Protein backbone atom coordinates (compact mmCIF):
# COMPACT_ATOMS: atom_id res chain seq x y z
CA MET A 1 -7.77 -2.25 11.06
CA GLU A 2 -7.02 -2.76 7.39
CA ILE A 3 -7.26 -0.29 4.53
CA ILE A 4 -7.21 -1.44 0.91
CA LEU A 5 -6.58 1.11 -1.82
CA LYS A 6 -6.80 0.28 -5.54
CA LYS A 7 -5.88 2.05 -8.74
CA LYS A 8 -4.94 1.48 -12.36
CA ILE A 9 -1.45 2.49 -13.41
CA LYS A 10 -0.76 3.67 -16.91
CA VAL A 11 2.22 1.86 -18.52
CA LYS A 12 4.05 2.69 -21.75
CA LYS A 13 6.01 0.18 -23.80
CA PHE A 14 8.89 1.12 -26.05
CA LYS A 15 12.00 -0.22 -27.62
CA ALA A 16 15.45 1.19 -26.82
CA LEU A 17 19.18 0.47 -26.79
CA ILE A 18 20.17 0.14 -23.14
CA ASP A 19 23.26 -0.54 -21.05
CA ILE A 20 22.14 -2.37 -17.94
CA GLY A 21 23.61 -4.28 -15.01
CA VAL A 22 21.87 -7.49 -13.94
CA LYS A 23 22.52 -8.76 -10.45
CA GLU A 24 24.03 -12.26 -10.63
CA LYS A 25 26.16 -14.57 -8.45
CA ARG A 26 29.88 -14.22 -9.04
CA THR A 27 31.76 -16.32 -6.44
CA ASP A 28 35.15 -15.48 -7.92
CA ILE A 29 34.63 -11.72 -7.60
CA VAL A 30 33.12 -12.10 -4.14
CA ALA A 31 36.20 -14.16 -3.07
CA LEU A 32 38.47 -11.29 -4.17
CA LEU A 33 36.41 -8.84 -2.18
CA MET A 34 36.67 -11.01 0.92
CA ILE A 35 40.45 -11.06 0.50
CA ALA A 36 40.49 -7.26 0.22
CA LYS A 37 38.66 -6.99 3.49
CA SER A 38 41.83 -8.13 5.35
CA HIS A 39 43.89 -5.51 3.48
CA GLY A 40 41.91 -2.40 4.31
CA ASP A 41 39.49 -2.88 1.48
CA VAL A 42 42.14 -2.44 -1.16
CA LEU A 43 43.40 -4.81 -3.89
CA SER A 44 46.74 -4.92 -5.66
CA GLU A 45 48.67 -7.12 -8.11
CA LYS A 46 50.70 -8.48 -5.21
CA ILE A 47 47.64 -9.47 -3.20
CA ILE A 48 46.27 -11.31 -6.30
CA PHE A 49 49.62 -13.06 -6.78
CA ASN A 50 49.88 -14.27 -3.19
CA GLU A 51 46.27 -14.98 -2.22
CA PHE A 52 44.20 -15.54 -5.34
CA ILE A 53 46.05 -17.04 -8.38
CA PHE A 54 49.06 -18.19 -6.23
CA ARG A 55 51.66 -17.29 -8.89
CA GLU A 56 53.29 -14.17 -10.17
CA ASN A 57 51.59 -13.28 -13.48
CA ARG A 58 51.11 -9.56 -14.03
CA THR A 59 49.03 -10.00 -17.17
CA ILE A 60 46.43 -12.11 -15.35
CA ALA A 61 46.47 -9.83 -12.26
CA LYS A 62 45.94 -6.69 -14.41
CA ARG A 63 43.11 -8.35 -16.24
CA ILE A 64 41.43 -9.35 -12.97
CA LEU A 65 41.77 -5.82 -11.60
CA GLN A 66 40.40 -4.32 -14.80
CA ARG A 67 37.41 -6.67 -14.66
CA CYS A 68 36.69 -5.59 -11.08
CA GLN A 69 36.73 -1.96 -12.15
CA ASP A 70 34.43 -2.73 -15.12
CA LEU A 71 31.97 -4.33 -12.66
CA GLY A 72 32.22 -1.29 -10.39
CA VAL A 73 33.42 -3.12 -7.32
CA ILE A 74 36.77 -1.23 -7.14
CA ASP A 75 37.69 2.33 -8.18
CA GLU A 76 40.68 3.74 -10.05
CA ASN A 77 42.76 3.53 -6.89
CA LEU A 78 41.86 -0.16 -6.51
CA LYS A 79 39.80 0.58 -3.37
CA ILE A 80 36.56 -1.28 -2.74
CA THR A 81 33.54 0.80 -3.77
CA LYS A 82 30.11 0.88 -2.05
CA ASP A 83 28.90 -1.51 -4.73
CA GLY A 84 31.79 -3.77 -3.84
CA ILE A 85 30.92 -3.77 -0.17
CA ASN A 86 27.30 -4.58 -1.01
CA ALA A 87 28.40 -7.40 -3.31
CA ARG A 88 30.60 -8.86 -0.59
CA GLU A 89 27.63 -8.94 1.78
CA ASP A 90 25.01 -10.53 -0.56
CA GLY A 91 27.31 -12.40 -2.95
CA MET A 92 25.81 -10.76 -6.00
CA ILE A 93 27.45 -8.57 -8.69
CA TYR A 94 25.84 -6.32 -11.28
CA ARG A 95 26.96 -7.91 -14.56
CA PRO A 96 26.84 -5.44 -17.53
CA TYR A 97 24.78 -6.17 -20.68
CA THR A 98 24.13 -4.03 -23.71
CA GLY A 99 21.27 -4.69 -26.10
CA THR A 100 18.01 -3.60 -27.67
CA TYR A 101 15.18 -4.18 -25.22
CA TYR A 102 11.46 -3.84 -25.00
CA VAL A 103 10.83 -1.70 -21.93
CA TRP A 104 7.66 -1.23 -19.84
CA ALA A 105 7.75 1.96 -17.87
CA THR A 106 5.47 4.27 -15.87
CA LYS A 107 5.73 7.68 -14.18
CA ASP A 108 3.15 6.79 -11.55
CA PRO A 109 4.55 7.85 -8.13
CA LEU A 110 3.77 4.39 -6.68
CA LEU A 111 6.70 3.07 -8.74
CA PRO A 112 9.58 5.52 -8.49
CA GLN A 113 11.86 2.91 -10.15
CA ARG A 114 10.03 3.83 -13.44
CA ILE A 115 11.16 0.68 -15.23
CA LEU A 116 8.73 -2.21 -14.57
CA ASN A 117 10.13 -4.81 -16.93
CA ILE A 118 12.55 -5.34 -19.82
CA GLU A 119 12.73 -8.04 -22.47
CA ILE A 120 15.57 -8.54 -24.91
CA VAL A 121 14.64 -8.01 -28.57
CA GLY A 122 15.58 -11.06 -30.61
CA GLU A 123 17.45 -9.21 -33.32
CA LYS A 124 20.95 -7.94 -34.05
CA ILE A 125 21.68 -4.33 -33.23
CA ASN A 126 21.99 -2.02 -36.25
CA PHE A 127 22.42 1.52 -34.94
CA LYS A 128 21.64 3.15 -38.29
CA LYS A 129 18.56 1.05 -38.86
CA GLU A 130 17.38 1.57 -35.28
CA ILE A 131 17.34 5.34 -35.84
CA LEU A 132 16.48 5.75 -39.52
CA GLY A 133 14.42 2.64 -40.17
CA PRO A 134 14.64 0.18 -43.09
CA ARG A 135 14.71 1.15 -46.80
CA ASN A 136 12.01 0.40 -49.38
CA PRO A 137 12.74 -1.26 -52.77
CA GLU A 138 13.61 2.11 -54.26
CA GLY A 139 16.32 2.68 -51.63
CA VAL A 140 14.35 5.38 -49.80
CA THR A 141 14.51 5.24 -46.00
CA ILE A 142 11.16 4.47 -44.34
CA GLU A 143 10.98 6.73 -41.30
CA LYS A 144 10.22 4.91 -38.10
CA ASN A 145 8.17 6.32 -35.21
CA ILE A 146 11.18 7.50 -33.21
CA GLU A 147 10.89 9.82 -30.23
CA SER A 148 13.29 11.44 -27.80
CA LEU A 149 13.66 9.81 -24.40
CA PRO A 150 11.18 11.55 -22.08
CA GLU A 151 12.61 13.53 -19.16
CA TRP A 152 10.93 11.31 -16.53
CA LEU A 153 12.84 8.31 -17.84
CA LYS A 154 16.27 9.91 -17.71
CA ASP A 155 16.21 9.74 -13.93
CA THR A 156 16.33 5.89 -14.07
CA GLU A 157 20.09 6.08 -14.60
CA LYS A 158 20.40 7.34 -11.04
CA ILE A 159 18.39 4.43 -9.60
CA LYS A 160 20.78 1.69 -8.50
CA ASN A 161 18.35 -1.06 -7.58
CA ILE A 162 15.38 -1.77 -9.80
CA LYS A 163 13.42 -4.89 -8.94
CA LEU A 164 11.57 -5.89 -12.09
CA LEU A 165 7.99 -7.19 -12.10
CA ASP A 166 8.96 -10.26 -14.13
CA GLU A 167 8.70 -13.94 -13.09
CA LYS A 168 12.36 -14.08 -12.06
CA LYS A 169 12.12 -10.84 -9.99
CA ARG A 170 15.41 -9.71 -11.50
CA ASP A 171 17.38 -6.97 -9.78
CA ILE A 172 18.86 -4.55 -12.38
CA ARG A 173 20.17 -1.05 -12.71
CA ILE A 174 20.17 1.15 -15.80
CA GLU A 175 23.56 2.48 -16.79
CA SER A 176 22.32 4.38 -19.83
CA ILE A 177 19.40 4.57 -22.25
CA GLN A 178 19.87 5.72 -25.85
CA GLU A 179 18.40 9.23 -26.35
CA LYS A 180 16.10 7.92 -29.16
CA ILE A 181 13.39 5.34 -28.45
CA GLU A 182 10.62 3.63 -30.49
CA PRO A 183 7.18 3.62 -28.87
CA ILE A 184 5.40 0.24 -29.13
CA SER A 185 2.22 0.99 -27.24
CA VAL A 186 0.74 4.30 -26.12
CA SER A 187 -0.78 2.91 -22.92
CA GLU A 188 -1.33 -0.36 -21.15
CA GLU A 189 -2.81 -0.83 -17.66
CA LEU A 190 -1.37 -2.42 -14.54
CA LYS A 191 -3.71 -2.99 -11.59
CA ALA A 192 -2.37 -2.15 -8.18
CA GLN A 193 -3.78 -2.92 -4.72
CA ILE A 194 -2.22 -1.50 -1.52
CA LYS A 195 -3.06 -3.28 1.71
CA LEU A 196 -2.26 -1.27 4.81
CA LYS A 197 -2.10 -2.65 8.33
CA THR A 198 -0.52 -1.35 11.55
CA HIS A 199 2.83 -3.00 10.87
CA SER A 200 2.77 -3.70 7.11
CA LYS A 201 2.40 -1.96 3.76
CA LEU A 202 1.99 -4.39 0.83
CA ILE A 203 1.35 -3.67 -2.79
CA LYS A 204 0.09 -6.29 -5.22
CA PHE A 205 0.14 -5.99 -9.00
CA THR A 206 -2.09 -7.93 -11.35
CA GLU A 207 -2.98 -8.35 -15.04
CA LEU A 208 -0.09 -6.80 -17.00
CA PHE A 209 2.40 -8.17 -14.42
CA GLU A 210 2.00 -10.30 -11.33
CA ASP A 211 3.93 -9.30 -8.26
CA GLU A 212 3.68 -8.56 -4.49
CA ARG A 213 6.13 -6.65 -2.40
CA GLU A 214 6.60 -4.28 0.53
CA LEU A 215 5.84 -0.61 -0.23
CA SER A 216 8.27 1.21 2.00
CA ILE A 217 7.78 4.59 0.26
CA PHE A 218 4.06 4.78 1.06
CA PRO A 219 2.82 6.56 4.25
CA ASP A 220 1.74 4.36 7.19
CA ILE A 221 -1.88 3.52 7.97
CA ARG A 222 -2.34 6.31 10.51
CA SER A 223 -1.21 9.03 8.05
CA VAL A 224 -3.36 7.59 5.29
CA TRP A 225 -6.40 7.34 7.56
CA GLU A 226 -5.99 10.95 8.67
CA GLN A 227 -6.00 12.01 4.99
CA LEU A 228 -9.02 9.86 4.24
CA ILE A 229 -11.32 11.07 7.02
CA GLY A 230 -10.02 14.65 7.29
CA ASN A 231 -11.65 16.60 10.12
CA ARG A 232 -13.20 13.46 11.56
CA TYR A 233 -9.74 12.22 12.53
CA GLU A 234 -10.06 14.02 15.89
CA GLN A 235 -13.07 11.79 16.62
CA TRP A 236 -11.18 8.61 15.86
CA ASN A 237 -9.92 6.29 18.64
CA TRP A 238 -7.07 3.98 17.65
CA ASP A 239 -7.31 1.95 20.87
CA ASP A 240 -10.66 0.38 20.01
CA GLU A 241 -10.84 1.63 16.40
CA THR A 242 -14.10 3.52 16.78
CA LEU A 243 -15.36 6.78 15.36
CA LYS A 244 -17.44 9.27 17.38
CA VAL A 245 -20.54 10.25 15.47
CA SER A 246 -23.66 12.37 16.05
CA LEU A 247 -26.89 10.46 16.71
CA LYS A 248 -28.74 12.57 14.15
CA GLU A 249 -26.60 11.21 11.27
CA LEU A 250 -27.53 7.61 12.06
CA ASN A 251 -30.44 5.47 10.88
CA GLU A 252 -32.10 2.87 13.09
CA LYS A 253 -29.99 -0.02 11.77
CA GLU A 254 -26.79 1.87 12.54
CA ILE A 255 -27.97 2.75 16.07
CA LEU A 256 -28.69 -0.86 16.81
CA SER A 257 -25.50 -2.28 15.28
CA PHE A 258 -22.97 0.43 16.28
CA ILE A 259 -21.65 0.19 12.71
CA LYS A 260 -21.89 2.81 9.93
CA LYS A 261 -20.81 2.50 6.34
CA PHE A 262 -18.61 5.32 5.03
CA GLU A 263 -18.05 6.01 1.28
CA PHE A 264 -14.75 7.38 -0.02
CA ASP A 265 -14.97 8.86 -3.52
CA SER A 266 -11.72 9.12 -5.48
CA PRO A 267 -9.65 9.44 -2.34
CA LYS A 268 -6.34 11.26 -2.70
CA ILE A 269 -3.16 10.46 -0.88
CA GLU A 270 -0.52 13.20 -0.79
CA ASN A 271 2.26 12.60 -3.36
CA PHE A 272 0.51 9.47 -4.70
CA GLY A 273 -2.58 10.80 -6.48
CA SER A 274 -6.11 9.44 -6.59
CA PHE A 275 -7.36 5.94 -5.96
CA ASN A 276 -10.58 4.07 -6.80
CA ASP A 277 -13.81 4.67 -4.84
CA PHE A 278 -14.28 2.35 -1.89
CA SER A 279 -16.29 1.97 1.32
CA LEU A 280 -15.59 0.88 4.89
CA ASN A 281 -17.88 -0.32 7.71
CA LEU A 282 -16.64 1.48 10.89
CA ASN A 283 -17.45 0.83 14.50
CA ILE A 284 -19.08 3.94 15.97
CA ARG A 285 -19.77 5.54 19.35
CA PRO A 286 -21.54 8.62 20.69
CA GLN A 287 -19.87 12.02 20.65
CA SER A 288 -20.98 13.04 24.19
CA ASP A 289 -22.67 11.84 27.38
CA ALA A 290 -25.92 13.51 26.29
CA GLU A 291 -25.96 11.67 22.94
CA ALA A 292 -24.94 8.42 24.70
CA GLU A 293 -27.93 8.77 26.97
CA SER A 294 -30.33 9.31 24.05
CA TRP A 295 -28.70 6.41 22.18
CA ALA A 296 -28.95 4.09 25.16
CA ASN A 297 -32.67 4.89 25.71
CA LYS A 298 -33.43 4.27 22.03
CA LEU A 299 -31.82 0.79 22.48
CA LEU A 300 -33.88 0.21 25.57
CA GLU A 301 -37.09 1.09 23.73
CA ASN A 302 -36.13 -1.32 20.98
CA GLN A 303 -35.67 -4.10 23.54
CA ILE A 304 -39.34 -4.07 24.49
CA LYS A 305 -40.60 -7.13 22.63
CA GLU A 306 -42.21 -8.95 25.60
CA TYR A 307 -43.89 -8.24 28.93
CA MET A 308 -41.52 -6.00 30.83
CA PHE A 309 -41.42 -7.37 34.39
CA PRO A 310 -39.18 -5.31 36.72
CA ASN A 311 -36.34 -7.79 36.75
CA THR A 312 -36.43 -8.04 32.96
CA PHE A 313 -36.27 -4.26 32.72
CA GLU A 314 -33.18 -4.14 34.97
CA ASN A 315 -31.45 -6.90 32.97
CA TYR A 316 -31.96 -4.93 29.77
CA LYS A 317 -30.55 -1.78 31.30
CA GLU A 318 -27.50 -3.63 32.59
CA GLY A 319 -26.81 -5.12 29.18
CA ILE A 320 -27.14 -1.78 27.39
CA ASN A 321 -25.11 0.04 30.04
CA LYS A 322 -22.08 -2.17 29.19
CA LYS A 323 -22.07 -0.70 25.68
CA PHE A 324 -21.69 2.82 27.08
CA LYS A 325 -19.20 2.11 29.89
CA ASP A 326 -17.17 5.23 29.10
CA TYR A 327 -20.22 7.51 29.36
CA LYS A 328 -22.45 8.85 32.09
CA ILE A 329 -26.02 7.93 31.19
CA LYS A 330 -29.43 7.77 32.86
CA PHE A 331 -32.21 5.45 31.71
CA GLN A 332 -35.93 6.20 31.56
CA ASP A 333 -38.01 4.44 34.21
CA LEU A 334 -41.00 2.29 33.26
CA ASP A 335 -43.47 5.12 33.76
CA GLU A 336 -41.60 7.39 31.37
CA LEU A 337 -41.48 4.55 28.79
CA SER A 338 -45.25 4.13 29.16
CA MET A 339 -45.86 7.81 28.51
CA ARG A 340 -43.62 7.68 25.42
CA PHE A 341 -45.65 4.82 23.94
CA ILE A 342 -48.93 6.57 24.82
CA ASP A 343 -47.81 9.45 22.68
CA LYS A 344 -47.60 7.00 19.77
CA ILE A 345 -51.24 5.96 20.06
CA LEU A 346 -52.95 6.72 16.77
CA GLU A 347 -56.70 6.44 16.14
CA ASP A 348 -57.29 4.64 19.44
CA GLU A 349 -54.82 1.90 18.48
CA VAL A 350 -52.66 1.02 21.47
CA PRO A 351 -49.22 -0.32 20.46
CA ASN A 352 -48.14 -3.66 21.89
CA GLU A 353 -45.09 -2.03 23.47
CA LEU A 354 -47.38 -0.09 25.83
CA TRP A 355 -49.05 -3.26 26.96
CA PHE A 356 -45.69 -4.96 27.43
CA VAL A 357 -44.59 -2.14 29.76
CA GLN A 358 -47.84 -1.27 31.58
CA ALA A 359 -49.55 -4.66 32.09
CA PRO A 360 -46.91 -6.08 34.42
CA LEU A 361 -47.08 -2.91 36.52
CA ASP A 362 -50.79 -3.37 37.02
CA VAL A 363 -50.14 -6.93 38.31
CA PHE A 364 -46.80 -6.27 40.12
CA PRO A 365 -46.71 -2.54 40.88
CA ILE A 366 -43.34 -1.08 41.78
CA LYS A 367 -43.54 0.55 45.22
CA ASN A 368 -41.46 3.70 45.46
CA GLU A 369 -40.04 4.90 48.73
CA GLY A 370 -42.76 6.74 50.74
CA ASP A 371 -45.74 4.92 49.17
CA ASP A 372 -48.38 3.57 51.49
């Protein structure tokens, strides 16, 4: 089974002064972290003398240790931090940058990282100008459209790994965002499509940004399906992916095909909001033995498109019976079928189905036990 959910995500663009860390390869720092591993995950000037620079130079050793602290891979006691351990494992360090950036952000729960992309602004930073704006020829400051940083963006400073939706798929973290920001656009749209299968949860973004990734935070397909079909979930069978339905809610096409189309209007998933309308064609089955019997006999009646010799009749029953193998059903006999078709006679017009059933019996009558 596969469920596809779609929605449009509202995105805001603004300009802000940000301190960030961008994940990059740093073989020199990683080498130091590997050395520290054999010393209880601790560095010292002596270790750097003997195993890294191979000479006694305290100035260089102190500078190296300070750099490691600036990068967050060792603490004030020169012990390897959690970031340092991660860096040793993947060979990547968060390198700090400060600058004025264009930022695309959203508060949609599908993207708890909030920050979708950043792009450096190609201008020098002027703190006073950034806040107050430029001056006109008379020397009067032109006020810029400056706003306070919204509360939902302040949480990004706690998010350590933000995988951007840019072409390079950069991995960053936000160290700090200046309290004042300049809005660039009120709202842009990012299209999102979630594809759920038994063992996978993928989300694909299009239009504003192009990206595809695993969506670990989203509930699995069984949880989502239960929310989508509500009370019907008790009638759902995961083994053969069929839904038990009542015969009275089916039309003739659905009875013959064992497939029914279900519409889902603005479906809601807990903690993730509403999604676009969609429909699914589901395999269906009867709710009970009684309904299975009625269903099977309707199929049998529909099979009568030719003269119904006894062996043909038995072959039809056998084929239909396979579709209801989990049910106890009883088929009508030929006489009962004849009577049903007789009831359909209107204005002395005899339907072909009656002839198909009755004519062979006139030529090859079926002898029941006890007949002469």
